[in-house]
């Protein structure tokens, strides 16, 4: 071993572990009863993926305001439909 490397622990079994054993009661029951939730919650109104061609200056104007530019475009289009 070179002098620049620190020695590793002699045996990992010698290291004291303060974490509880999750296979014993009451942890096992709590883990079994916990619901598994994965991903983002489903929206009541889902979006449709589409492709739209916009002028570069229009797109740059929306993007310059930062994150959420697609939602802002959606809001403007929704307002236009409401006025129609």
N, C-alpha and C. Protein backbone atom coordinates (compact mmCIF):
# COMPACT_ATOMS: atom_id res chain seq x y z
N UNK A 1 0.84 -1.18 0.00
CA UNK A 1 0.00 0.00 0.00
C UNK A 1 0.89 1.24 0.00
N UNK A 2 0.49 2.24 -0.77
CA UNK A 2 1.28 3.46 -0.81
C UNK A 2 0.93 4.33 0.40
N UNK A 3 1.78 5.26 0.70
CA UNK A 3 1.58 6.12 1.87
C UNK A 3 0.43 7.09 1.69
N UNK A 4 0.05 7.41 0.44
CA UNK A 4 -1.00 8.39 0.20
C UNK A 4 -2.40 7.82 0.45
N UNK A 5 -2.54 6.51 0.49
CA UNK A 5 -3.85 5.90 0.70
C UNK A 5 -4.06 5.55 2.16
N UNK A 6 -5.27 5.83 2.66
CA UNK A 6 -5.59 5.51 4.04
C UNK A 6 -6.01 4.05 4.12
N UNK A 7 -5.69 3.37 5.21
CA UNK A 7 -6.08 1.97 5.34
C UNK A 7 -7.60 1.84 5.51
N UNK A 8 -8.17 0.78 4.96
CA UNK A 8 -9.59 0.50 5.07
C UNK A 8 -9.88 -0.14 6.43
N UNK A 9 -11.14 -0.18 6.82
CA UNK A 9 -11.52 -0.85 8.06
C UNK A 9 -11.13 -2.32 7.95
N UNK A 10 -10.64 -2.88 9.05
CA UNK A 10 -10.17 -4.26 9.02
C UNK A 10 -11.30 -5.22 8.64
N UNK A 11 -12.44 -5.05 9.26
CA UNK A 11 -13.56 -5.94 8.98
C UNK A 11 -14.84 -5.16 9.19
N UNK A 12 -15.73 -5.14 8.21
CA UNK A 12 -16.96 -4.37 8.34
C UNK A 12 -17.85 -4.89 9.45
N UNK A 13 -17.70 -6.15 9.84
CA UNK A 13 -18.51 -6.69 10.93
C UNK A 13 -18.10 -6.09 12.27
N UNK A 14 -16.93 -5.50 12.36
CA UNK A 14 -16.48 -4.90 13.60
C UNK A 14 -17.08 -3.52 13.83
N UNK A 15 -17.68 -2.93 12.79
CA UNK A 15 -18.24 -1.59 12.89
C UNK A 15 -19.62 -1.69 13.55
N UNK A 16 -19.85 -0.88 14.62
CA UNK A 16 -21.12 -0.90 15.33
C UNK A 16 -22.17 -0.21 14.47
N UNK A 17 -23.32 -0.84 14.34
CA UNK A 17 -24.41 -0.31 13.53
C UNK A 17 -25.54 0.09 14.46
N UNK A 18 -25.88 1.39 14.49
CA UNK A 18 -26.93 1.89 15.35
C UNK A 18 -28.31 1.83 14.70
N UNK A 19 -28.38 1.45 13.44
CA UNK A 19 -29.66 1.38 12.75
C UNK A 19 -30.46 0.19 13.28
N UNK A 20 -31.80 0.38 13.44
CA UNK A 20 -32.61 -0.74 13.94
C UNK A 20 -32.74 -1.84 12.88
N UNK A 21 -32.98 -3.06 13.34
CA UNK A 21 -33.21 -4.18 12.44
C UNK A 21 -34.64 -4.07 11.91
N UNK A 22 -34.79 -3.75 10.63
CA UNK A 22 -36.11 -3.50 10.06
C UNK A 22 -36.90 -4.79 9.80
N UNK A 23 -36.30 -5.93 10.05
CA UNK A 23 -37.03 -7.19 9.86
C UNK A 23 -37.74 -7.62 11.13
N UNK A 24 -37.53 -6.90 12.22
CA UNK A 24 -38.17 -7.25 13.49
C UNK A 24 -39.36 -6.36 13.75
N UNK A 25 -40.26 -6.84 14.62
CA UNK A 25 -41.44 -6.08 15.01
C UNK A 25 -40.99 -4.85 15.79
N UNK A 26 -41.59 -3.71 15.72
CA UNK A 26 -42.76 -3.30 14.94
C UNK A 26 -42.41 -2.78 13.54
N UNK A 27 -41.11 -2.76 13.22
CA UNK A 27 -40.71 -2.20 11.93
C UNK A 27 -41.23 -3.01 10.75
N UNK A 28 -41.22 -4.31 10.84
CA UNK A 28 -41.67 -5.15 9.73
C UNK A 28 -43.13 -4.87 9.40
N UNK A 29 -43.98 -4.72 10.44
CA UNK A 29 -45.41 -4.44 10.21
C UNK A 29 -45.60 -3.06 9.59
N UNK A 30 -44.83 -2.09 10.06
CA UNK A 30 -44.96 -0.73 9.51
C UNK A 30 -44.54 -0.68 8.04
N UNK A 31 -43.47 -1.37 7.72
CA UNK A 31 -43.01 -1.39 6.33
C UNK A 31 -43.98 -2.13 5.43
N UNK A 32 -44.58 -3.21 5.94
CA UNK A 32 -45.53 -3.98 5.14
C UNK A 32 -46.82 -3.20 4.89
N UNK A 33 -47.21 -2.35 5.85
CA UNK A 33 -48.46 -1.60 5.73
C UNK A 33 -48.29 -0.30 4.95
N UNK A 34 -47.07 0.14 4.73
CA UNK A 34 -46.84 1.42 4.05
C UNK A 34 -47.19 1.29 2.57
N UNK A 35 -47.97 2.25 2.03
CA UNK A 35 -48.29 2.19 0.61
C UNK A 35 -47.08 2.52 -0.25
N UNK A 36 -46.98 1.89 -1.39
CA UNK A 36 -45.89 2.15 -2.32
C UNK A 36 -46.38 3.20 -3.32
N UNK A 37 -45.73 4.35 -3.31
CA UNK A 37 -46.10 5.44 -4.20
C UNK A 37 -44.90 5.73 -5.09
N UNK A 38 -45.10 5.61 -6.40
CA UNK A 38 -44.01 5.85 -7.34
C UNK A 38 -44.39 6.94 -8.32
N UNK A 39 -43.44 7.77 -8.63
CA UNK A 39 -43.64 8.79 -9.66
C UNK A 39 -44.49 9.95 -9.20
N UNK A 40 -44.80 10.80 -10.16
CA UNK A 40 -45.63 11.97 -9.89
C UNK A 40 -47.08 11.58 -9.75
N UNK A 41 -47.85 12.29 -8.92
CA UNK A 41 -49.29 11.99 -8.85
C UNK A 41 -49.96 12.25 -10.20
N UNK A 42 -50.96 11.45 -10.52
CA UNK A 42 -51.69 11.62 -11.77
C UNK A 42 -52.52 12.89 -11.71
N UNK A 43 -52.49 13.65 -12.78
CA UNK A 43 -53.25 14.88 -12.88
C UNK A 43 -54.68 14.55 -13.30
N UNK A 44 -55.62 15.37 -12.83
CA UNK A 44 -57.01 15.18 -13.25
C UNK A 44 -57.17 15.51 -14.73
N UNK A 45 -56.43 16.51 -15.18
CA UNK A 45 -56.48 16.91 -16.59
C UNK A 45 -55.11 16.68 -17.19
N UNK A 46 -54.99 15.61 -17.98
CA UNK A 46 -53.69 15.29 -18.55
C UNK A 46 -53.41 16.14 -19.78
N UNK A 47 -52.15 16.33 -20.07
CA UNK A 47 -51.73 17.11 -21.23
C UNK A 47 -51.50 16.16 -22.41
N UNK A 48 -51.54 16.73 -23.60
CA UNK A 48 -51.30 15.97 -24.82
C UNK A 48 -50.00 16.47 -25.43
N UNK A 49 -49.11 15.56 -25.73
CA UNK A 49 -47.85 15.94 -26.35
C UNK A 49 -48.10 16.24 -27.83
N UNK A 50 -47.56 17.38 -28.29
CA UNK A 50 -47.74 17.77 -29.67
C UNK A 50 -46.52 18.55 -30.14
N UNK A 51 -46.45 18.79 -31.42
CA UNK A 51 -45.39 19.61 -31.98
C UNK A 51 -46.03 20.85 -32.59
N UNK A 52 -45.46 22.00 -32.28
CA UNK A 52 -45.99 23.25 -32.81
C UNK A 52 -44.82 24.10 -33.28
N UNK A 53 -45.01 24.78 -34.39
CA UNK A 53 -43.94 25.62 -34.92
C UNK A 53 -44.28 27.07 -34.57
N UNK A 54 -43.34 27.74 -33.90
CA UNK A 54 -43.52 29.13 -33.49
C UNK A 54 -42.38 29.97 -34.07
N UNK A 55 -42.65 31.25 -34.26
CA UNK A 55 -41.58 32.16 -34.68
C UNK A 55 -40.53 32.22 -33.58
N UNK A 56 -39.29 32.39 -33.98
CA UNK A 56 -38.18 32.37 -33.03
C UNK A 56 -38.31 33.47 -31.97
N UNK A 57 -38.78 34.66 -32.38
CA UNK A 57 -38.89 35.75 -31.40
C UNK A 57 -40.00 35.49 -30.39
N UNK A 58 -41.07 34.84 -30.81
CA UNK A 58 -42.16 34.50 -29.88
C UNK A 58 -41.65 33.49 -28.86
N UNK A 59 -40.99 32.46 -29.33
CA UNK A 59 -40.46 31.44 -28.44
C UNK A 59 -39.44 32.02 -27.48
N UNK A 60 -38.54 32.85 -27.99
CA UNK A 60 -37.53 33.48 -27.14
C UNK A 60 -38.17 34.37 -26.09
N UNK A 61 -39.25 35.06 -26.44
CA UNK A 61 -39.95 35.91 -25.48
C UNK A 61 -40.50 35.11 -24.31
N UNK A 62 -41.09 33.96 -24.60
CA UNK A 62 -41.62 33.13 -23.52
C UNK A 62 -40.50 32.48 -22.71
N UNK A 63 -39.46 32.02 -23.38
CA UNK A 63 -38.35 31.36 -22.68
C UNK A 63 -37.55 32.34 -21.82
N UNK A 64 -37.51 33.61 -22.21
CA UNK A 64 -36.72 34.59 -21.48
C UNK A 64 -37.26 34.83 -20.07
N UNK A 65 -38.52 34.51 -19.84
CA UNK A 65 -39.11 34.68 -18.50
C UNK A 65 -38.78 33.52 -17.57
N UNK A 66 -38.06 32.53 -18.08
CA UNK A 66 -37.61 31.43 -17.22
C UNK A 66 -38.47 30.20 -17.30
N UNK A 67 -38.28 29.28 -16.32
CA UNK A 67 -39.02 28.03 -16.32
C UNK A 67 -40.54 28.25 -16.31
N UNK A 68 -41.26 27.34 -16.92
CA UNK A 68 -42.71 27.44 -17.01
C UNK A 68 -43.18 28.09 -18.29
N UNK A 69 -42.27 28.26 -19.25
CA UNK A 69 -42.65 28.95 -20.48
C UNK A 69 -43.69 28.18 -21.27
N UNK A 70 -43.66 26.87 -21.23
CA UNK A 70 -44.68 26.09 -21.95
C UNK A 70 -46.05 26.27 -21.32
N UNK A 71 -46.09 26.34 -19.99
CA UNK A 71 -47.36 26.58 -19.30
C UNK A 71 -47.89 27.97 -19.62
N UNK A 72 -46.99 28.96 -19.74
CA UNK A 72 -47.44 30.31 -20.10
C UNK A 72 -48.01 30.35 -21.51
N UNK A 73 -47.40 29.63 -22.44
CA UNK A 73 -47.95 29.55 -23.79
C UNK A 73 -49.33 28.91 -23.73
N UNK A 74 -49.47 27.86 -22.94
CA UNK A 74 -50.75 27.18 -22.79
C UNK A 74 -51.81 28.15 -22.23
N UNK A 75 -51.43 28.96 -21.23
CA UNK A 75 -52.36 29.92 -20.64
C UNK A 75 -52.81 30.97 -21.64
N UNK A 76 -51.87 31.46 -22.46
CA UNK A 76 -52.21 32.47 -23.48
C UNK A 76 -53.17 31.87 -24.51
N UNK A 77 -52.92 30.66 -24.94
CA UNK A 77 -53.81 30.02 -25.91
C UNK A 77 -55.19 29.76 -25.31
N UNK A 78 -55.23 29.38 -24.04
CA UNK A 78 -56.52 29.16 -23.36
C UNK A 78 -57.31 30.47 -23.27
N UNK A 79 -56.63 31.57 -22.93
CA UNK A 79 -57.29 32.88 -22.85
C UNK A 79 -57.82 33.29 -24.23
N UNK A 80 -57.05 33.03 -25.27
CA UNK A 80 -57.49 33.37 -26.62
C UNK A 80 -58.74 32.57 -26.99
N UNK A 81 -58.77 31.30 -26.64
CA UNK A 81 -59.95 30.49 -26.92
C UNK A 81 -61.18 30.97 -26.16
N UNK A 82 -60.99 31.43 -24.94
CA UNK A 82 -62.11 31.93 -24.14
C UNK A 82 -62.71 33.20 -24.72
N UNK A 83 -61.87 34.06 -25.33
CA UNK A 83 -62.36 35.31 -25.93
C UNK A 83 -63.06 35.08 -27.25
N UNK A 84 -62.72 34.01 -27.94
CA UNK A 84 -63.23 33.72 -29.26
C UNK A 84 -64.69 33.51 -29.30
